[in-house]
Amino acid sequence: MVEFFALLFGLAIGSFLNVVVHRLPRRLSLSSPPSQCPRCGTPILTRHNVPVLGWIVLRGRCAACKEPISVRYPLVEAGTGLVFAALAWRLDDLGLLSALPAYLWFASTGIALALIDLELRKLPNRIILPSYPILAVLLTASAAWEHVWWPLARAGIGAVALLGFFVLLSLTGGMGGGDVKLAGLLGGVLAYLSWWTLVIGAFGGFLLGAVVGVVVMATGRGGRKTALPFGPFMIAAALLAVLVAG
């Protein structure tokens, strides 16, 4: 049952993330004006703003100007819903539903950061930096609810360790500042579950990046010097580790 409610909540959050991804990097208000067609600027009616279903009913076109609306919008909504449901299932299986708010926050910010990084090659501080105290509070609340404090201490150690590792990589010119700041967040949420989750999530990003890099070169879409944003690989690997690692 918790998975179903997480799915519905994720669909709604995914709709908001579409707004965040478009407006936050451009320093636009997240609340005003209301959602509108990116082509003609016509406000989207409430009945057309239902996640996924609204896009399907409109057949992917604006109700006013009939111009196509990117399929990215329903994909982000559906993807966020599925990730939320998967996290709820995983944490329920681990007996850690008390930590679900922390991991839903991480998933939300991670999805937004990955999409922004893919589009604009940046990881905004306005998302990353506030997430440190928010996740610290949420994980502390989980540890207090469970009356077990070692996972919280492990999360702190993991955050510092992964942050330090990425700082060292940045000194060689191999990492950007946004990736370094993101690493601390990943270290905390991964290590809260286990050391093994931290290892898989931390180094899985490098593996995913290498695989995609090989595919890009093999398909002729880039070469050895083609720059790929690393943030999405870090986030994808972290989410996968949370879902599968012991």
Protein backbone atom coordinates (compact mmCIF):
# COMPACT_ATOMS: atom_id res chain seq x y z
CA MET A 1 0.00 0.00 0.00
CA VAL A 2 2.82 2.41 0.83
CA GLU A 3 4.24 1.83 -2.64
CA PHE A 4 0.96 2.94 -4.25
CA PHE A 5 0.83 6.18 -2.28
CA ALA A 6 4.52 6.77 -3.01
CA LEU A 7 3.76 6.34 -6.72
CA LEU A 8 0.96 8.93 -6.62
CA PHE A 9 3.11 11.31 -4.60
CA GLY A 10 5.98 10.83 -7.04
CA LEU A 11 3.77 11.68 -10.01
CA ALA A 12 2.85 14.98 -8.37
CA ILE A 13 6.46 15.73 -7.40
CA GLY A 14 7.59 14.87 -10.92
CA SER A 15 5.25 17.54 -12.26
CA PHE A 16 6.86 20.07 -9.92
CA LEU A 17 10.35 18.90 -10.88
CA ASN A 18 9.60 19.83 -14.49
CA VAL A 19 9.07 23.38 -13.26
CA VAL A 20 12.24 23.29 -11.15
CA VAL A 21 14.39 22.00 -14.01
CA HIS A 22 13.22 24.76 -16.35
CA ARG A 23 13.03 27.71 -13.98
CA LEU A 24 15.58 27.30 -11.17
CA PRO A 25 18.78 27.42 -13.30
CA ARG A 26 17.36 30.52 -15.02
CA ARG A 27 16.60 32.12 -11.63
CA LEU A 28 12.87 32.33 -12.35
CA SER A 29 10.16 32.05 -9.70
CA LEU A 30 9.03 28.49 -9.04
CA SER A 31 5.51 29.61 -8.14
CA SER A 32 4.69 32.49 -10.47
CA PRO A 33 3.46 32.55 -13.13
CA PRO A 34 1.49 29.26 -13.03
CA SER A 35 2.38 26.47 -15.45
CA GLN A 36 2.03 27.60 -19.04
CA CYS A 37 2.70 26.43 -22.57
CA PRO A 38 6.41 26.94 -23.34
CA ARG A 39 5.46 27.97 -26.89
CA CYS A 40 2.55 30.42 -26.64
CA GLY A 41 2.57 31.21 -22.91
CA THR A 42 -1.08 30.22 -22.40
CA PRO A 43 -1.71 29.05 -18.80
CA ILE A 44 -2.34 25.32 -18.55
CA LEU A 45 -5.80 24.52 -17.20
CA THR A 46 -5.97 22.52 -13.97
CA ARG A 47 -7.67 19.59 -15.69
CA HIS A 48 -4.86 19.50 -18.25
CA ASN A 49 -2.17 19.65 -15.58
CA VAL A 50 -2.78 16.16 -14.18
CA PRO A 51 0.56 14.30 -14.29
CA VAL A 52 0.96 12.05 -17.35
CA LEU A 53 -2.79 11.86 -18.03
CA GLY A 54 -2.99 15.53 -18.99
CA TRP A 55 -0.34 15.08 -21.66
CA ILE A 56 -2.05 11.95 -22.98
CA VAL A 57 -5.48 13.61 -23.13
CA LEU A 58 -4.00 16.53 -25.06
CA ARG A 59 -2.12 14.07 -27.30
CA GLY A 60 1.13 15.86 -26.52
CA ARG A 61 -0.04 19.23 -27.83
CA CYS A 62 -0.96 22.56 -26.29
CA ALA A 63 -4.73 22.99 -25.97
CA ALA A 64 -4.43 26.58 -27.23
CA CYS A 65 -1.77 26.73 -29.96
CA LYS A 66 -1.66 22.99 -30.80
CA GLU A 67 2.15 23.04 -30.81
CA PRO A 68 3.87 19.85 -29.57
CA ILE A 69 4.72 19.61 -25.86
CA SER A 70 7.91 17.67 -25.18
CA VAL A 71 7.48 14.05 -24.10
CA ARG A 72 10.06 14.81 -21.43
CA TYR A 73 7.31 16.18 -19.17
CA PRO A 74 5.28 12.96 -18.76
CA LEU A 75 8.47 10.89 -18.72
CA VAL A 76 9.82 12.88 -15.76
CA GLU A 77 6.48 12.55 -13.96
CA ALA A 78 6.19 8.82 -14.58
CA GLY A 79 9.87 8.20 -13.83
CA THR A 80 9.68 10.06 -10.53
CA GLY A 81 6.58 8.11 -9.55
CA LEU A 82 8.25 4.78 -10.32
CA VAL A 83 11.43 5.74 -8.44
CA PHE A 84 9.37 6.80 -5.40
CA ALA A 85 7.45 3.51 -5.47
CA ALA A 86 10.67 1.49 -5.81
CA LEU A 87 12.26 3.30 -2.87
CA ALA A 88 9.17 2.73 -0.73
CA TRP A 89 9.27 -0.98 -1.59
CA ARG A 90 12.99 -1.23 -0.85
CA LEU A 91 12.89 0.59 2.48
CA ASP A 92 9.78 -1.31 3.55
CA ASP A 93 11.66 -4.52 2.77
CA LEU A 94 14.56 -3.31 4.91
CA GLY A 95 12.24 -2.28 7.74
CA LEU A 96 13.38 1.32 7.33
CA LEU A 97 10.27 3.23 6.29
CA SER A 98 11.29 5.86 8.82
CA ALA A 99 14.05 6.83 6.36
CA LEU A 100 11.66 7.12 3.39
CA PRO A 101 11.30 10.94 3.61
CA ALA A 102 15.08 11.30 3.36
CA TYR A 103 15.36 9.04 0.32
CA LEU A 104 12.39 10.65 -1.42
CA TRP A 105 14.06 14.02 -0.94
CA PHE A 106 17.29 12.61 -2.31
CA ALA A 107 15.48 11.11 -5.31
CA SER A 108 13.69 14.38 -6.03
CA THR A 109 16.81 16.50 -5.90
CA GLY A 110 18.79 13.85 -7.75
CA ILE A 111 16.34 13.73 -10.66
CA ALA A 112 16.27 17.52 -10.89
CA LEU A 113 20.07 17.76 -10.74
CA ALA A 114 20.56 15.03 -13.36
CA LEU A 115 18.22 16.74 -15.83
CA ILE A 116 19.77 20.17 -15.27
CA ASP A 117 23.26 18.76 -15.66
CA LEU A 118 22.32 17.01 -18.90
CA GLU A 119 20.83 20.19 -20.33
CA LEU A 120 23.07 22.94 -18.96
CA ARG A 121 26.18 21.13 -17.65
CA LYS A 122 25.77 22.51 -14.15
CA LEU A 123 24.73 21.29 -10.70
CA PRO A 124 23.13 24.30 -8.95
CA ASN A 125 24.20 25.12 -5.41
CA ARG A 126 20.61 26.21 -4.76
CA ILE A 127 19.65 22.53 -4.81
CA ILE A 128 22.76 20.82 -3.45
CA LEU A 129 23.70 22.98 -0.48
CA PRO A 130 20.26 23.14 1.25
CA SER A 131 20.01 19.38 0.84
CA TYR A 132 22.86 18.83 3.31
CA PRO A 133 20.98 20.11 6.40
CA ILE A 134 17.64 18.74 5.16
CA LEU A 135 19.01 15.21 4.71
CA ALA A 136 20.90 15.47 8.00
CA VAL A 137 17.66 16.28 9.84
CA LEU A 138 15.64 13.58 8.06
CA LEU A 139 18.24 10.87 8.63
CA THR A 140 18.61 11.93 12.25
CA ALA A 141 14.84 11.63 12.66
CA SER A 142 14.99 8.14 11.17
CA ALA A 143 17.79 7.07 13.50
CA ALA A 144 15.89 8.47 16.49
CA TRP A 145 12.72 6.63 15.45
CA GLU A 146 14.64 3.36 15.11
CA HIS A 147 16.68 4.01 18.29
CA VAL A 148 19.82 2.97 16.41
CA TRP A 149 22.52 5.61 16.00
CA TRP A 150 25.32 3.75 14.22
CA PRO A 151 23.74 4.19 10.73
CA LEU A 152 23.69 7.95 11.29
CA ALA A 153 27.34 7.96 12.35
CA ARG A 154 28.17 5.79 9.34
CA ALA A 155 26.33 8.27 7.10
CA GLY A 156 28.47 11.10 8.44
CA ILE A 157 31.66 9.11 7.89
CA GLY A 158 30.53 8.15 4.38
CA ALA A 159 29.70 11.74 3.48
CA VAL A 160 33.10 12.99 4.61
CA ALA A 161 34.96 10.10 2.98
CA LEU A 162 33.32 10.42 -0.45
CA LEU A 163 33.56 14.21 -0.35
CA GLY A 164 37.27 13.95 0.45
CA PHE A 165 37.84 11.43 -2.33
CA PHE A 166 36.20 13.72 -4.88
CA VAL A 167 38.18 16.69 -3.58
CA LEU A 168 41.36 14.75 -4.33
CA LEU A 169 40.06 13.95 -7.82
CA SER A 170 39.23 17.60 -8.40
CA LEU A 171 42.82 18.58 -7.61
CA THR A 172 43.89 16.56 -10.65
CA GLY A 173 41.33 18.33 -12.80
CA GLY A 174 39.17 15.24 -13.10
CA MET A 175 36.07 16.56 -11.31
CA GLY A 176 34.05 19.74 -11.34
CA GLY A 177 33.02 21.62 -8.23
CA GLY A 178 29.38 20.56 -8.55
CA ASP A 179 30.35 16.89 -8.64
CA VAL A 180 32.44 17.35 -5.50
CA LYS A 181 29.56 18.96 -3.58
CA LEU A 182 27.16 16.27 -4.78
CA ALA A 183 29.53 13.53 -3.60
CA GLY A 184 29.02 14.44 0.05
CA LEU A 185 25.26 14.03 -0.28
CA LEU A 186 25.64 10.68 -2.00
CA GLY A 187 28.08 9.46 0.61
CA GLY A 188 25.63 10.19 3.40
CA VAL A 189 22.51 8.58 1.94
CA LEU A 190 24.45 5.54 0.71
CA ALA A 191 26.40 4.89 3.89
CA TYR A 192 23.27 5.23 6.05
CA LEU A 193 22.18 1.86 4.62
CA SER A 194 25.54 0.04 4.62
CA TRP A 195 29.20 0.28 3.65
CA TRP A 196 28.50 -2.02 0.71
CA THR A 197 25.81 0.36 -0.57
CA LEU A 198 28.35 3.18 -0.35
CA VAL A 199 30.97 1.26 -2.32
CA ILE A 200 28.57 0.22 -5.07
CA GLY A 201 26.95 3.65 -5.36
CA ALA A 202 30.21 5.59 -5.23
CA PHE A 203 32.09 3.63 -7.86
CA GLY A 204 29.10 2.59 -9.93
CA GLY A 205 29.01 6.11 -11.34
CA PHE A 206 32.45 5.66 -12.86
CA LEU A 207 31.39 2.34 -14.38
CA LEU A 208 28.20 3.80 -15.87
CA GLY A 209 30.15 6.77 -17.22
CA ALA A 210 32.73 4.48 -18.82
CA VAL A 211 30.07 2.30 -20.45
CA VAL A 212 28.20 5.29 -21.87
CA GLY A 213 31.48 6.79 -23.06
CA VAL A 214 32.32 3.61 -24.96
CA VAL A 215 28.84 3.57 -26.52
CA VAL A 216 29.19 7.22 -27.56
CA MET A 217 32.50 6.50 -29.29
CA ALA A 218 31.27 3.24 -30.83
CA THR A 219 28.25 4.97 -32.37
CA GLY A 220 30.34 7.82 -33.72
CA ARG A 221 28.61 10.44 -31.59
CA GLY A 222 31.81 11.53 -29.90
CA GLY A 223 35.44 10.75 -29.27
CA ARG A 224 37.86 10.35 -26.39
CA LYS A 225 37.72 14.07 -25.63
CA THR A 226 33.92 14.31 -25.67
CA ALA A 227 32.83 15.82 -22.35
CA LEU A 228 29.92 14.06 -20.64
CA PRO A 229 28.27 15.48 -17.51
CA PHE A 230 29.16 13.17 -14.63
CA GLY A 231 26.38 14.16 -12.23
CA PRO A 232 23.69 11.98 -13.87
CA PHE A 233 25.94 8.91 -13.65
CA MET A 234 26.63 9.56 -9.96
CA ILE A 235 22.94 9.93 -9.20
CA ALA A 236 21.84 6.92 -11.27
CA ALA A 237 24.44 4.70 -9.61
CA ALA A 238 23.44 5.90 -6.15
CA LEU A 239 19.75 5.18 -6.74
CA LEU A 240 20.55 1.74 -8.13
CA ALA A 241 22.76 0.98 -5.15
CA VAL A 242 20.01 1.94 -2.72
CA LEU A 243 17.61 -0.39 -4.53
CA VAL A 244 19.86 -3.43 -4.92
CA ALA A 245 22.79 -3.31 -2.48
CA GLY A 246 22.68 -5.28 0.73
